[in-house]
């Protein structure tokens, strides 16, 4: 049986690309923190954002644009805003 083609969305692809760059940048900044306790605190606080991005990227690669990928992107943005509001980067 033929596999169903995944629906693509240029705008979401661009947003995922931007999210990847942001996650890499914030992760690098966190890794540069000298104080181990603070670095651990930041890493733990950033984990929901990073995990949501990773799930979004993986799901988009396998299923394409769906309501679930759209909602995951909204969750990613919410987690990122919460992190940036509570932690100075």
Protein backbone atom coordinates (compact mmCIF):
# COMPACT_ATOMS: atom_id res chain seq x y z
CA UNK A 1 0.00 0.00 0.00
CA UNK A 2 1.31 3.44 -0.91
CA UNK A 3 2.38 5.68 1.90
CA UNK A 4 0.36 8.85 2.41
CA UNK A 5 2.26 12.02 1.50
CA UNK A 6 2.82 14.42 4.34
CA UNK A 7 1.42 17.91 4.06
CA UNK A 8 4.11 20.59 4.03
CA UNK A 9 3.92 24.18 5.25
CA UNK A 10 6.65 26.65 4.23
CA UNK A 11 5.88 29.03 7.10
CA UNK A 12 6.11 26.30 9.74
CA UNK A 13 9.34 25.00 8.16
CA UNK A 14 10.81 28.49 8.50
CA UNK A 15 9.61 28.75 12.10
CA UNK A 16 11.13 25.35 12.93
CA UNK A 17 14.41 26.48 11.37
CA UNK A 18 14.38 29.65 13.48
CA UNK A 19 13.49 27.61 16.56
CA UNK A 20 16.48 25.33 15.93
CA UNK A 21 18.82 28.33 15.81
CA UNK A 22 17.30 29.76 19.00
CA UNK A 23 17.58 26.45 20.87
CA UNK A 24 21.22 26.08 19.78
CA UNK A 25 22.02 29.67 20.83
CA UNK A 26 20.38 29.42 24.25
CA UNK A 27 21.99 26.01 24.85
CA UNK A 28 25.41 27.47 24.00
CA UNK A 29 24.82 30.42 26.34
CA UNK A 30 23.77 28.06 29.13
CA UNK A 31 26.87 25.92 28.55
CA UNK A 32 29.03 29.04 28.89
CA UNK A 33 27.75 29.80 32.42
CA UNK A 34 30.66 29.27 34.77
CA UNK A 35 28.72 28.70 38.01
CA UNK A 36 27.68 25.04 37.97
CA UNK A 37 24.57 25.51 40.16
CA UNK A 38 23.27 28.34 37.99
CA UNK A 39 24.06 26.43 34.80
CA UNK A 40 22.10 23.42 36.10
CA UNK A 41 19.16 25.64 37.08
CA UNK A 42 19.07 27.24 33.61
CA UNK A 43 19.43 23.87 31.88
CA UNK A 44 16.50 22.41 33.84
CA UNK A 45 14.36 25.49 33.19
CA UNK A 46 15.11 25.37 29.44
CA UNK A 47 14.38 21.65 29.09
CA UNK A 48 10.61 22.01 28.35
CA UNK A 49 11.42 24.46 25.53
CA UNK A 50 14.14 22.27 24.08
CA UNK A 51 12.12 19.07 24.43
CA UNK A 52 9.10 20.61 22.74
CA UNK A 53 11.27 21.83 19.86
CA UNK A 54 12.82 18.36 19.41
CA UNK A 55 9.40 16.70 19.39
CA UNK A 56 8.06 19.31 16.95
CA UNK A 57 10.99 18.83 14.58
CA UNK A 58 10.71 15.05 14.67
CA UNK A 59 6.95 15.03 14.23
CA UNK A 60 7.07 17.49 11.34
CA UNK A 61 9.70 15.34 9.61
CA UNK A 62 7.54 12.24 9.88
CA UNK A 63 3.98 13.57 9.58
CA UNK A 64 4.27 17.05 8.08
CA UNK A 65 1.92 19.89 8.92
CA UNK A 66 -0.87 18.76 11.22
CA UNK A 67 -2.90 20.27 14.04
CA UNK A 68 -0.50 18.56 16.43
CA UNK A 69 2.62 20.13 14.89
CA UNK A 70 0.91 23.51 14.85
CA UNK A 71 0.00 23.15 18.54
CA UNK A 72 3.53 21.99 19.39
CA UNK A 73 4.93 25.13 17.80
CA UNK A 74 2.56 27.24 19.91
CA UNK A 75 3.69 25.32 23.01
CA UNK A 76 7.34 25.88 22.05
CA UNK A 77 6.74 29.64 21.75
CA UNK A 78 4.93 29.72 25.13
CA UNK A 79 7.72 27.79 26.88
CA UNK A 80 10.36 30.04 25.28
CA UNK A 81 8.55 33.20 26.41
CA UNK A 82 8.21 31.84 29.95
CA UNK A 83 11.90 30.96 30.03
CA UNK A 84 12.96 34.37 28.70
CA UNK A 85 10.66 36.14 31.19
CA UNK A 86 12.10 34.25 34.16
CA UNK A 87 15.77 33.88 33.20
CA UNK A 88 18.22 36.45 31.96
CA UNK A 89 19.95 35.34 28.77
